[in-house]
Amino acid sequence: MTATVSGRNPAQSRPMITSTQASSLADVLERVLDKGIVIAGDITVSVGSTELLSIRIRLLISSVDKAKEIGINWWEGDPYLSGQSQKLLQANQQLQARIESLESELKAIRAAQD
């Protein structure tokens, strides 16, 4: 037996939310970030039958948690976003100097053998 309010079932007394009801921007943004949204499209510019330009657009909008959940976490390893860019630049310069040194030593050894 269910209790009723004014002759109605309690579940029916609550207003039903429909897609036509106004939503605030925050509500819409929260839903999009929670579920994620994918936008995909192709743009082609042609003159006659000659294709001049073709652009493929793939866009994913989601929260960080949702992105990690689906396996997207490129920003964690990006040195420019993690602040490691200066360290990597210095390491790269040291490696380049080491390669140049090794190549000059190799040339000297080859010249000595001839």
PDB file of N, CA and C in Angstrom:
ATOM      1  N   MET A   1       0.834  -1.178   0.000  1.00  0.00           N
ATOM      2  CA  MET A   1       0.000   0.000   0.000  1.00  0.00           C
ATOM      3  C   MET A   1       0.879   1.241   0.000  1.00  0.00           C
ATOM      4  N   THR A   2       0.600   2.217  -0.830  1.00  0.00           N
ATOM      5  CA  THR A   2       1.399   3.432  -0.925  1.00  0.00           C
ATOM      6  C   THR A   2       0.624   4.613  -0.387  1.00  0.00           C
ATOM      7  N   ALA A   3       1.375   5.535   0.222  1.00  0.00           N
ATOM      8  CA  ALA A   3       0.750   6.753   0.741  1.00  0.00           C
ATOM      9  C   ALA A   3       0.532   7.715  -0.403  1.00  0.00           C
ATOM     10  N   THR A   4      -0.520   8.477  -0.301  1.00  0.00           N
ATOM     11  CA  THR A   4      -0.804   9.431  -1.363  1.00  0.00           C
ATOM     12  C   THR A   4      -0.896  10.833  -0.795  1.00  0.00           C
ATOM     13  N   VAL A   5      -0.610  11.806  -1.593  1.00  0.00           N
ATOM     14  CA  VAL A   5      -0.744  13.206  -1.226  1.00  0.00           C
ATOM     15  C   VAL A   5      -1.780  13.791  -2.154  1.00  0.00           C
ATOM     16  N   SER A   6      -2.805  14.312  -1.601  1.00  0.00           N
ATOM     17  CA  SER A   6      -3.910  14.883  -2.378  1.00  0.00           C
ATOM     18  C   SER A   6      -4.423  13.890  -3.409  1.00  0.00           C
ATOM     19  N   GLY A   7      -4.509  12.639  -3.026  1.00  0.00           N
ATOM     20  CA  GLY A   7      -5.046  11.640  -3.926  1.00  0.00           C
ATOM     21  C   GLY A   7      -4.072  11.208  -5.007  1.00  0.00           C
ATOM     22  N   ARG A   8      -2.793  11.596  -4.879  1.00  0.00           N
ATOM     23  CA  ARG A   8      -1.793  11.218  -5.889  1.00  0.00           C
ATOM     24  C   ARG A   8      -0.686  10.393  -5.244  1.00  0.00           C
ATOM     25  N   ASN A   9      -0.001   9.652  -6.056  1.00  0.00           N
ATOM     26  CA  ASN A   9       1.166   8.912  -5.641  1.00  0.00           C
ATOM     27  C   ASN A   9       2.287   9.926  -5.382  1.00  0.00           C
ATOM     28  N   PRO A  10       3.136   9.782  -4.319  1.00  0.00           N
ATOM     29  CA  PRO A  10       4.190  10.767  -4.048  1.00  0.00           C
ATOM     30  C   PRO A  10       5.159  10.931  -5.208  1.00  0.00           C
ATOM     31  N   ALA A  11       5.420   9.872  -5.917  1.00  0.00           N
ATOM     32  CA  ALA A  11       6.332   9.973  -7.053  1.00  0.00           C
ATOM     33  C   ALA A  11       5.745  10.850  -8.144  1.00  0.00           C
ATOM     34  N   GLN A  12       4.423  10.884  -8.233  1.00  0.00           N
ATOM     35  CA  GLN A  12       3.773  11.690  -9.263  1.00  0.00           C
ATOM     36  C   GLN A  12       3.616  13.141  -8.839  1.00  0.00           C
ATOM     37  N   SER A  13       3.767  13.446  -7.535  1.00  0.00           N
ATOM     38  CA  SER A  13       3.570  14.811  -7.068  1.00  0.00           C
ATOM     39  C   SER A  13       4.782  15.692  -7.345  1.00  0.00           C
ATOM     40  N   ARG A  14       5.929  15.094  -7.609  1.00  0.00           N
ATOM     41  CA  ARG A  14       7.122  15.872  -7.947  1.00  0.00           C
ATOM     42  C   ARG A  14       7.035  16.314  -9.397  1.00  0.00           C
ATOM     43  N   PRO A  15       7.495  17.529  -9.694  1.00  0.00           N
ATOM     44  CA  PRO A  15       7.457  17.966 -11.094  1.00  0.00           C
ATOM     45  C   PRO A  15       8.408  17.130 -11.944  1.00  0.00           C
ATOM     46  N   MET A  16       7.959  16.795 -13.114  1.00  0.00           N
ATOM     47  CA  MET A  16       8.766  16.006 -14.019  1.00  0.00           C
ATOM     48  C   MET A  16       9.702  16.930 -14.795  1.00  0.00           C
ATOM     49  N   ILE A  17      10.977  16.601 -14.801  1.00  0.00           N
ATOM     50  CA  ILE A  17      11.955  17.414 -15.504  1.00  0.00           C
ATOM     51  C   ILE A  17      12.004  16.960 -16.952  1.00  0.00           C
ATOM     52  N   THR A  18      11.840  17.889 -17.844  1.00  0.00           N
ATOM     53  CA  THR A  18      11.891  17.573 -19.272  1.00  0.00           C
ATOM     54  C   THR A  18      12.994  18.388 -19.918  1.00  0.00           C
ATOM     55  N   SER A  19      13.348  18.013 -21.116  1.00  0.00           N
ATOM     56  CA  SER A  19      14.412  18.715 -21.821  1.00  0.00           C
ATOM     57  C   SER A  19      13.986  20.108 -22.260  1.00  0.00           C
ATOM     58  N   THR A  20      12.713  20.385 -22.223  1.00  0.00           N
ATOM     59  CA  THR A  20      12.245  21.706 -22.627  1.00  0.00           C
ATOM     60  C   THR A  20      12.316  22.711 -21.492  1.00  0.00           C
ATOM     61  N   GLN A  21      12.528  22.231 -20.249  1.00  0.00           N
ATOM     62  CA  GLN A  21      12.656  23.160 -19.143  1.00  0.00           C
ATOM     63  C   GLN A  21      13.986  23.884 -19.242  1.00  0.00           C
ATOM     64  N   ALA A  22      14.014  25.128 -18.786  1.00  0.00           N
ATOM     65  CA  ALA A  22      15.225  25.932 -18.849  1.00  0.00           C
ATOM     66  C   ALA A  22      16.270  25.359 -17.904  1.00  0.00           C
ATOM     67  N   SER A  23      17.490  25.275 -18.378  1.00  0.00           N
ATOM     68  CA  SER A  23      18.614  24.837 -17.557  1.00  0.00           C
ATOM     69  C   SER A  23      19.616  25.964 -17.517  1.00  0.00           C
ATOM     70  N   SER A  24      20.264  26.082 -16.392  1.00  0.00           N
ATOM     71  CA  SER A  24      21.294  27.109 -16.309  1.00  0.00           C
ATOM     72  C   SER A  24      22.534  26.624 -17.049  1.00  0.00           C
ATOM     73  N   LEU A  25      23.385  27.535 -17.398  1.00  0.00           N
ATOM     74  CA  LEU A  25      24.619  27.198 -18.099  1.00  0.00           C
ATOM     75  C   LEU A  25      25.458  26.248 -17.259  1.00  0.00           C
ATOM     76  N   ALA A  26      25.443  26.444 -15.949  1.00  0.00           N
ATOM     77  CA  ALA A  26      26.208  25.568 -15.064  1.00  0.00           C
ATOM     78  C   ALA A  26      25.688  24.136 -15.119  1.00  0.00           C
ATOM     79  N   ASP A  27      24.370  23.969 -15.182  1.00  0.00           N
ATOM     80  CA  ASP A  27      23.792  22.621 -15.275  1.00  0.00           C
ATOM     81  C   ASP A  27      24.193  21.933 -16.569  1.00  0.00           C
ATOM     82  N   VAL A  28      24.109  22.673 -17.660  1.00  0.00           N
ATOM     83  CA  VAL A  28      24.473  22.112 -18.967  1.00  0.00           C
ATOM     84  C   VAL A  28      25.950  21.747 -18.984  1.00  0.00           C
ATOM     85  N   LEU A  29      26.796  22.638 -18.486  1.00  0.00           N
ATOM     86  CA  LEU A  29      28.233  22.381 -18.454  1.00  0.00           C
ATOM     87  C   LEU A  29      28.554  21.176 -17.579  1.00  0.00           C
ATOM     88  N   GLU A  30      27.865  21.061 -16.454  1.00  0.00           N
ATOM     89  CA  GLU A  30      28.089  19.917 -15.576  1.00  0.00           C
ATOM     90  C   GLU A  30      27.721  18.609 -16.272  1.00  0.00           C
ATOM     91  N   ARG A  31      26.614  18.604 -16.990  1.00  0.00           N
ATOM     92  CA  ARG A  31      26.200  17.397 -17.719  1.00  0.00           C
ATOM     93  C   ARG A  31      27.192  17.043 -18.826  1.00  0.00           C
ATOM     94  N   VAL A  32      27.640  18.042 -19.567  1.00  0.00           N
ATOM     95  CA  VAL A  32      28.585  17.793 -20.664  1.00  0.00           C
ATOM     96  C   VAL A  32      29.894  17.254 -20.114  1.00  0.00           C
ATOM     97  N   LEU A  33      30.409  17.868 -19.049  1.00  0.00           N
ATOM     98  CA  LEU A  33      31.674  17.412 -18.490  1.00  0.00           C
ATOM     99  C   LEU A  33      31.546  16.046 -17.834  1.00  0.00           C
ATOM    100  N   ASP A  34      30.397  15.744 -17.271  1.00  0.00           N
ATOM    101  CA  ASP A  34      30.200  14.453 -16.637  1.00  0.00           C
ATOM    102  C   ASP A  34      30.135  13.331 -17.665  1.00  0.00           C
ATOM    103  N   LYS A  35      29.399  13.535 -18.727  1.00  0.00           N
ATOM    104  CA  LYS A  35      29.221  12.500 -19.743  1.00  0.00           C
ATOM    105  C   LYS A  35      30.265  12.601 -20.846  1.00  0.00           C
ATOM    106  N   GLY A  36      30.684  13.810 -21.173  1.00  0.00           N
ATOM    107  CA  GLY A  36      31.596  14.025 -22.288  1.00  0.00           C
ATOM    108  C   GLY A  36      30.818  14.231 -23.571  1.00  0.00           C
ATOM    109  N   ILE A  37      31.460  14.873 -24.518  1.00  0.00           N
ATOM    110  CA  ILE A  37      30.838  15.104 -25.818  1.00  0.00           C
ATOM    111  C   ILE A  37      31.923  14.998 -26.882  1.00  0.00           C
ATOM    112  N   VAL A  38      31.603  14.378 -27.977  1.00  0.00           N
ATOM    113  CA  VAL A  38      32.536  14.228 -29.091  1.00  0.00           C
ATOM    114  C   VAL A  38      31.955  14.949 -30.295  1.00  0.00           C
ATOM    115  N   ILE A  39      32.791  15.778 -30.894  1.00  0.00           N
ATOM    116  CA  ILE A  39      32.400  16.494 -32.113  1.00  0.00           C
ATOM    117  C   ILE A  39      33.395  16.082 -33.190  1.00  0.00           C
ATOM    118  N   ALA A  40      32.891  15.602 -34.302  1.00  0.00           N
ATOM    119  CA  ALA A  40      33.759  15.163 -35.385  1.00  0.00           C
ATOM    120  C   ALA A  40      33.238  15.734 -36.695  1.00  0.00           C
ATOM    121  N   GLY A  41      34.155  16.113 -37.549  1.00  0.00           N
ATOM    122  CA  GLY A  41      33.730  16.640 -38.832  1.00  0.00           C
ATOM    123  C   GLY A  41      34.876  16.734 -39.811  1.00  0.00           C
ATOM    124  N   ASP A  42      34.551  16.829 -41.062  1.00  0.00           N
ATOM    125  CA  ASP A  42      35.536  16.975 -42.127  1.00  0.00           C
ATOM    126  C   ASP A  42      35.185  18.214 -42.931  1.00  0.00           C
ATOM    127  N   ILE A  43      36.205  18.992 -43.252  1.00  0.00           N
ATOM    128  CA  ILE A  43      36.017  20.182 -44.073  1.00  0.00           C
ATOM    129  C   ILE A  43      36.884  20.008 -45.317  1.00  0.00           C
ATOM    130  N   THR A  44      36.301  20.159 -46.467  1.00  0.00           N
ATOM    131  CA  THR A  44      37.038  20.036 -47.714  1.00  0.00           C
ATOM    132  C   THR A  44      36.766  21.261 -48.563  1.00  0.00           C
ATOM    133  N   VAL A  45      37.850  21.870 -49.052  1.00  0.00           N
ATOM    134  CA  VAL A  45      37.735  23.021 -49.949  1.00  0.00           C
ATOM    135  C   VAL A  45      38.182  22.558 -51.328  1.00  0.00           C
ATOM    136  N   SER A  46      37.299  22.682 -52.299  1.00  0.00           N
ATOM    137  CA  SER A  46      37.594  22.238 -53.657  1.00  0.00           C
ATOM    138  C   SER A  46      37.230  23.325 -54.655  1.00  0.00           C
ATOM    139  N   VAL A  47      37.965  23.337 -55.731  1.00  0.00           N
ATOM    140  CA  VAL A  47      37.630  24.181 -56.880  1.00  0.00           C
ATOM    141  C   VAL A  47      37.432  23.229 -58.042  1.00  0.00           C
ATOM    142  N   GLY A  48      36.228  23.184 -58.515  1.00  0.00           N
ATOM    143  CA  GLY A  48      35.909  22.200 -59.559  1.00  0.00           C
ATOM    144  C   GLY A  48      36.033  20.812 -58.970  1.00  0.00           C
ATOM    145  N   SER A  49      36.820  19.978 -59.589  1.00  0.00           N
ATOM    146  CA  SER A  49      37.033  18.631 -59.060  1.00  0.00           C
ATOM    147  C   SER A  49      38.393  18.507 -58.371  1.00  0.00           C
ATOM    148  N   THR A  50      39.098  19.627 -58.180  1.00  0.00           N
ATOM    149  CA  THR A  50      40.414  19.620 -57.540  1.00  0.00           C
ATOM    150  C   THR A  50      40.282  19.988 -56.069  1.00  0.00           C
ATOM    151  N   GLU A  51      40.691  19.063 -55.223  1.00  0.00           N
ATOM    152  CA  GLU A  51      40.635  19.313 -53.781  1.00  0.00           C
ATOM    153  C   GLU A  51      41.845  20.144 -53.378  1.00  0.00           C
ATOM    154  N   LEU A  52      41.594  21.303 -52.786  1.00  0.00           N
ATOM    155  CA  LEU A  52      42.670  22.197 -52.376  1.00  0.00           C
ATOM    156  C   LEU A  52      43.076  21.996 -50.921  1.00  0.00           C
ATOM    157  N   LEU A  53      42.109  21.731 -50.081  1.00  0.00           N
ATOM    158  CA  LEU A  53      42.377  21.640 -48.649  1.00  0.00           C
ATOM    159  C   LEU A  53      41.402  20.661 -48.006  1.00  0.00           C
ATOM    160  N   SER A  54      41.929  19.843 -47.116  1.00  0.00           N
ATOM    161  CA  SER A  54      41.076  18.911 -46.385  1.00  0.00           C
ATOM    162  C   SER A  54      41.471  18.963 -44.915  1.00  0.00           C
ATOM    163  N   ILE A  55      40.510  19.211 -44.050  1.00  0.00           N
ATOM    164  CA  ILE A  55      40.761  19.309 -42.614  1.00  0.00           C
ATOM    165  C   ILE A  55      39.850  18.316 -41.902  1.00  0.00           C
ATOM    166  N   ARG A  56      40.448  17.500 -41.033  1.00  0.00           N
ATOM    167  CA  ARG A  56      39.665  16.571 -40.224  1.00  0.00           C
ATOM    168  C   ARG A  56      39.667  17.094 -38.799  1.00  0.00           C
ATOM    169  N   ILE A  57      38.506  17.281 -38.239  1.00  0.00           N
ATOM    170  CA  ILE A  57      38.371  17.834 -36.898  1.00  0.00           C
ATOM    171  C   ILE A  57      37.794  16.769 -35.976  1.00  0.00           C
ATOM    172  N   ARG A  58      38.477  16.527 -34.889  1.00  0.00           N
ATOM    173  CA  ARG A  58      38.004  15.609 -33.861  1.00  0.00           C
ATOM    174  C   ARG A  58      38.168  16.343 -32.533  1.00  0.00           C
ATOM    175  N   LEU A  59      37.084  16.521 -31.806  1.00  0.00           N
ATOM    176  CA  LEU A  59      37.107  17.286 -30.568  1.00  0.00           C
ATOM    177  C   LEU A  59      36.391  16.502 -29.487  1.00  0.00           C
ATOM    178  N   LEU A  60      37.041  16.352 -28.345  1.00  0.00           N
ATOM    179  CA  LEU A  60      36.451  15.686 -27.199  1.00  0.00           C
ATOM    180  C   LEU A  60      36.420  16.678 -26.053  1.00  0.00           C
ATOM    181  N   ILE A  61      35.255  16.904 -25.489  1.00  0.00           N
ATOM    182  CA  ILE A  61      35.109  17.785 -24.339  1.00  0.00           C
ATOM    183  C   ILE A  61      34.630  16.929 -23.184  1.00  0.00           C
ATOM    184  N   SER A  62      35.413  16.924 -22.103  1.00  0.00           N
ATOM    185  CA  SER A  62      35.037  16.150 -20.928  1.00  0.00           C
ATOM    186  C   SER A  62      35.780  16.691 -19.714  1.00  0.00           C
ATOM    187  N   SER A  63      35.430  16.201 -18.559  1.00  0.00           N
ATOM    188  CA  SER A  63      36.162  16.555 -17.348  1.00  0.00           C
ATOM    189  C   SER A  63      37.463  15.757 -17.324  1.00  0.00           C
ATOM    190  N   VAL A  64      38.393  16.175 -16.480  1.00  0.00           N
ATOM    191  CA  VAL A  64      39.664  15.458 -16.346  1.00  0.00           C
ATOM    192  C   VAL A  64      39.409  14.040 -15.855  1.00  0.00           C
ATOM    193  N   ASP A  65      38.505  13.897 -14.898  1.00  0.00           N
ATOM    194  CA  ASP A  65      38.206  12.561 -14.376  1.00  0.00           C
ATOM    195  C   ASP A  65      37.645  11.643 -15.459  1.00  0.00           C
ATOM    196  N   LYS A  66      36.727  12.166 -16.271  1.00  0.00           N
ATOM    197  CA  LYS A  66      36.137  11.369 -17.348  1.00  0.00           C
ATOM    198  C   LYS A  66      37.202  11.018 -18.397  1.00  0.00           C
ATOM    199  N   ALA A  67      38.067  11.977 -18.715  1.00  0.00           N
ATOM    200  CA  ALA A  67      39.135  11.711 -19.690  1.00  0.00           C
ATOM    201  C   ALA A  67      40.060  10.609 -19.185  1.00  0.00           C
ATOM    202  N   LYS A  68      40.435  10.673 -17.915  1.00  0.00           N
ATOM    203  CA  LYS A  68      41.291   9.620 -17.347  1.00  0.00           C
ATOM    204  C   LYS A  68      40.568   8.277 -17.364  1.00  0.00           C
ATOM    205  N   GLU A  69      39.271   8.304 -17.097  1.00  0.00           N
ATOM    206  CA  GLU A  69      38.474   7.080 -17.085  1.00  0.00           C
ATOM    207  C   GLU A  69      38.488   6.395 -18.445  1.00  0.00           C
ATOM    208  N   ILE A  70      38.495   7.176 -19.534  1.00  0.00           N
ATOM    209  CA  ILE A  70      38.499   6.575 -20.866  1.00  0.00           C
ATOM    210  C   ILE A  70      39.911   6.431 -21.435  1.00  0.00           C
ATOM    211  N   GLY A  71      40.920   6.717 -20.599  1.00  0.00           N
ATOM    212  CA  GLY A  71      42.303   6.447 -20.993  1.00  0.00           C
ATOM    213  C   GLY A  71      43.028   7.597 -21.659  1.00  0.00           C
ATOM    214  N   ILE A  72      42.548   8.811 -21.509  1.00  0.00           N
ATOM    215  CA  ILE A  72      43.228   9.965 -22.104  1.00  0.00           C
ATOM    216  C   ILE A  72      43.876  10.757 -20.981  1.00  0.00           C
ATOM    217  N   ASN A  73      45.214  10.812 -20.988  1.00  0.00           N
ATOM    218  CA  ASN A  73      45.929  11.563 -19.960  1.00  0.00           C
ATOM    219  C   ASN A  73      47.230  12.148 -20.498  1.00  0.00           C
ATOM    220  N   TRP A  74      47.217  12.615 -21.725  1.00  0.00           N
ATOM    221  CA  TRP A  74      48.424  13.118 -22.375  1.00  0.00           C
ATOM    222  C   TRP A  74      49.048  14.281 -21.629  1.00  0.00           C
ATOM    223  N   TRP A  75      48.285  15.071 -20.914  1.00  0.00           N
ATOM    224  CA  TRP A  75      48.815  16.249 -20.234  1.00  0.00           C
ATOM    225  C   TRP A  75      49.730  15.882 -19.072  1.00  0.00           C
ATOM    226  N   GLU A  76      49.597  14.663 -18.545  1.00  0.00           N
ATOM    227  CA  GLU A  76      50.451  14.245 -17.438  1.00  0.00           C
ATOM    228  C   GLU A  76      51.895  14.047 -17.876  1.00  0.00           C
ATOM    229  N   GLY A  77      52.093  13.650 -19.123  1.00  0.00           N
ATOM    230  CA  GLY A  77      53.441  13.418 -19.624  1.00  0.00           C
ATOM    231  C   GLY A  77      53.973  14.537 -20.489  1.00  0.00           C
ATOM    232  N   ASP A  78      53.196  15.573 -20.708  1.00  0.00           N
ATOM    233  CA  ASP A  78      53.622  16.692 -21.545  1.00  0.00           C
ATOM    234  C   ASP A  78      54.562  17.583 -20.747  1.00  0.00           C
ATOM    235  N   PRO A  79      55.838  17.667 -21.141  1.00  0.00           N
ATOM    236  CA  PRO A  79      56.799  18.444 -20.347  1.00  0.00           C
ATOM    237  C   PRO A  79      56.479  19.936 -20.297  1.00  0.00           C
ATOM    238  N   TYR A  80      55.825  20.449 -21.308  1.00  0.00           N
ATOM    239  CA  TYR A  80      55.508  21.876 -21.324  1.00  0.00           C
ATOM    240  C   TYR A  80      54.365  22.214 -20.371  1.00  0.00           C
ATOM    241  N   LEU A  81      53.538  21.233 -20.053  1.00  0.00           N
ATOM    242  CA  LEU A  81      52.455  21.456 -19.098  1.00  0.00           C
ATOM    243  C   LEU A  81      52.848  21.074 -17.679  1.00  0.00           C
ATOM    244  N   SER A  82      53.851  20.228 -17.536  1.00  0.00           N
ATOM    245  CA  SER A  82      54.245  19.771 -16.210  1.00  0.00           C
ATOM    246  C   SER A  82      55.412  20.556 -15.633  1.00  0.00           C
ATOM    247  N   GLY A  83      55.977  21.506 -16.378  1.00  0.00           N
ATOM    248  CA  GLY A  83      57.075  22.319 -15.854  1.00  0.00           C
ATOM    249  C   GLY A  83      58.442  21.676 -16.023  1.00  0.00           C
ATOM    250  N   GLN A  84      58.542  20.588 -16.746  1.00  0.00           N
ATOM    251  CA  GLN A  84      59.814  19.907 -16.937  1.00  0.00           C
ATOM    252  C   GLN A  84      60.497  20.314 -18.231  1.00  0.00           C
ATOM    253  N   SER A  85      59.964  21.286 -18.937  1.00  0.00           N
ATOM    254  CA  SER A  85      60.511  21.634 -20.249  1.00  0.00           C
ATOM    255  C   SER A  85      61.945  22.131 -20.155  1.00  0.00           C
ATOM    256  N   GLN A  86      62.275  22.907 -19.112  1.00  0.00           N
ATOM    257  CA  GLN A  86      63.641  23.425 -18.982  1.00  0.00           C
ATOM    258  C   GLN A  86      64.624  22.287 -18.729  1.00  0.00           C
ATOM    259  N   LYS A  87      64.243  21.334 -17.885  1.00  0.00           N
ATOM    260  CA  LYS A  87      65.115  20.181 -17.612  1.00  0.00           C
ATOM    261  C   LYS A  87      65.340  19.368 -18.885  1.00  0.00           C
ATOM    262  N   LEU A  88      64.275  19.144 -19.652  1.00  0.00           N
ATOM    263  CA  LEU A  88      64.412  18.375 -20.885  1.00  0.00           C
ATOM    264  C   LEU A  88      65.255  19.110 -21.914  1.00  0.00           C
ATOM    265  N   LEU A  89      65.128  20.419 -21.974  1.00  0.00           N
ATOM    266  CA  LEU A  89      65.928  21.218 -22.903  1.00  0.00           C
ATOM    267  C   LEU A  89      67.412  21.115 -22.554  1.00  0.00           C
ATOM    268  N   GLN A  90      67.735  21.207 -21.263  1.00  0.00           N
ATOM    269  CA  GLN A  90      69.129  21.076 -20.835  1.00  0.00           C
ATOM    270  C   GLN A  90      69.665  19.680 -21.113  1.00  0.00           C
ATOM    271  N   ALA A  91      68.865  18.655 -20.839  1.00  0.00           N
ATOM    272  CA  ALA A  91      69.286  17.278 -21.105  1.00  0.00           C
ATOM    273  C   ALA A  91      69.515  17.069 -22.598  1.00  0.00           C
ATOM    274  N   ASN A  92      68.645  17.659 -23.424  1.00  0.00           N
ATOM    275  CA  ASN A  92      68.794  17.542 -24.869  1.00  0.00           C
ATOM    276  C   ASN A  92      70.090  18.209 -25.336  1.00  0.00           C
ATOM    277  N   GLN A  93      70.391  19.379 -24.800  1.00  0.00           N
ATOM    278  CA  GLN A  93      71.622  20.081 -25.173  1.00  0.00           C
ATOM    279  C   GLN A  93      72.855  19.284 -24.752  1.00  0.00           C
ATOM    280  N   GLN A  94      72.807  18.677 -23.560  1.00  0.00           N
ATOM    281  CA  GLN A  94      73.929  17.852 -23.099  1.00  0.00           C
ATOM    282  C   GLN A  94      74.109  16.639 -24.006  1.00  0.00           C
ATOM    283  N   LEU A  95      73.021  16.011 -24.403  1.00  0.00           N
ATOM    284  CA  LEU A  95      73.114  14.857 -25.303  1.00  0.00           C
ATOM    285  C   LEU A  95      73.664  15.256 -26.664  1.00  0.00           C
ATOM    286  N   GLN A  96      73.234  16.402 -27.180  1.00  0.00           N
ATOM    287  CA  GLN A  96      73.752  16.884 -28.466  1.00  0.00           C
ATOM    288  C   GLN A  96      75.265  17.128 -28.381  1.00  0.00           C
ATOM    289  N   ALA A  97      75.723  17.740 -27.296  1.00  0.00           N
ATOM    290  CA  ALA A  97      77.161  17.987 -27.112  1.00  0.00           C
ATOM    291  C   ALA A  97      77.917  16.665 -27.009  1.00  0.00           C
ATOM    292  N   ARG A  98      77.349  15.695 -26.324  1.00  0.00           N
ATOM    293  CA  ARG A  98      77.995  14.392 -26.188  1.00  0.00           C
ATOM    294  C   ARG A  98      78.087  13.683 -27.538  1.00  0.00           C
ATOM    295  N   ILE A  99      77.034  13.764 -28.337  1.00  0.00           N
ATOM    296  CA  ILE A  99      77.049  13.149 -29.667  1.00  0.00           C
ATOM    297  C   ILE A  99      78.127  13.790 -30.530  1.00  0.00           C
ATOM    298  N   GLU A 100      78.206  15.122 -30.508  1.00  0.00           N
ATOM    299  CA  GLU A 100      79.234  15.813 -31.293  1.00  0.00           C
ATOM    300  C   GLU A 100      80.628  15.394 -30.847  1.00  0.00           C
ATOM    301  N   SER A 101      80.838  15.249 -29.541  1.00  0.00           N
ATOM    302  CA  SER A 101      82.136  14.819 -29.016  1.00  0.00           C
ATOM    303  C   SER A 101      82.472  13.402 -29.471  1.00  0.00           C
ATOM    304  N   LEU A 102      81.499  12.516 -29.390  1.00  0.00           N
ATOM    305  CA  LEU A 102      81.729  11.134 -29.824  1.00  0.00           C
ATOM    306  C   LEU A 102      81.999  11.051 -31.326  1.00  0.00           C
ATOM    307  N   GLU A 103      81.294  11.856 -32.123  1.00  0.00           N
ATOM    308  CA  GLU A 103      81.527  11.852 -33.565  1.00  0.00           C
ATOM    309  C   GLU A 103      82.917  12.376 -33.898  1.00  0.00           C
ATOM    310  N   SER A 104      83.369  13.409 -33.198  1.00  0.00           N
ATOM    311  CA  SER A 104      84.717  13.925 -33.476  1.00  0.00           C
ATOM    312  C   SER A 104      85.780  12.916 -33.054  1.00  0.00           C
ATOM    313  N   GLU A 105      85.568  12.192 -31.940  1.00  0.00           N
ATOM    314  CA  GLU A 105      86.504  11.141 -31.523  1.00  0.00           C
ATOM    315  C   GLU A 105      86.532  10.010 -32.544  1.00  0.00           C
ATOM    316  N   LEU A 106      85.375   9.658 -33.076  1.00  0.00           N
ATOM    317  CA  LEU A 106      85.303   8.601 -34.081  1.00  0.00           C
ATOM    318  C   LEU A 106      86.042   9.014 -35.351  1.00  0.00           C
ATOM    319  N   LYS A 107      85.889  10.267 -35.760  1.00  0.00           N
ATOM    320  CA  LYS A 107      86.618  10.763 -36.929  1.00  0.00           C
ATOM    321  C   LYS A 107      88.125  10.717 -36.692  1.00  0.00           C
ATOM    322  N   ALA A 108      88.544  11.087 -35.481  1.00  0.00           N
ATOM    323  CA  ALA A 108      89.979  11.066 -35.142  1.00  0.00           C
ATOM    324  C   ALA A 108      90.533   9.644 -35.161  1.00  0.00           C
ATOM    325  N   ILE A 109      89.762   8.686 -34.673  1.00  0.00           N
ATOM    326  CA  ILE A 109      90.194   7.284 -34.667  1.00  0.00           C
ATOM    327  C   ILE A 109      90.300   6.766 -36.102  1.00  0.00           C
ATOM    328  N   ARG A 110      89.315   7.106 -36.937  1.00  0.00           N
ATOM    329  CA  ARG A 110      89.339   6.677 -38.356  1.00  0.00           C
ATOM    330  C   ARG A 110      90.517   7.299 -39.087  1.00  0.00           C
ATOM    331  N   ALA A 111      90.788   8.552 -38.808  1.00  0.00           N
ATOM    332  CA  ALA A 111      91.922   9.243 -39.456  1.00  0.00           C
ATOM    333  C   ALA A 111      93.233   8.612 -39.019  1.00  0.00           C
ATOM    334  N   ALA A 112      93.348   8.208 -37.788  1.00  0.00           N
ATOM    335  CA  ALA A 112      94.576   7.578 -37.269  1.00  0.00           C
ATOM    336  C   ALA A 112      94.793   6.193 -37.888  1.00  0.00           C
ATOM    337  N   GLN A 113      93.704   5.508 -38.222  1.00  0.00           N
ATOM    338  CA  GLN A 113      93.803   4.185 -38.800  1.00  0.00           C
ATOM    339  C   GLN A 113      94.216   4.229 -40.266  1.00  0.00           C
ATOM    340  N   ASP A 114      93.957   5.315 -40.953  1.00  0.00           N
ATOM    341  CA  ASP A 114      94.292   5.415 -42.385  1.00  0.00           C
ATOM    342  C   ASP A 114      95.712   5.726 -42.627  1.00  0.00           C
TER     343      ASP A 114
END
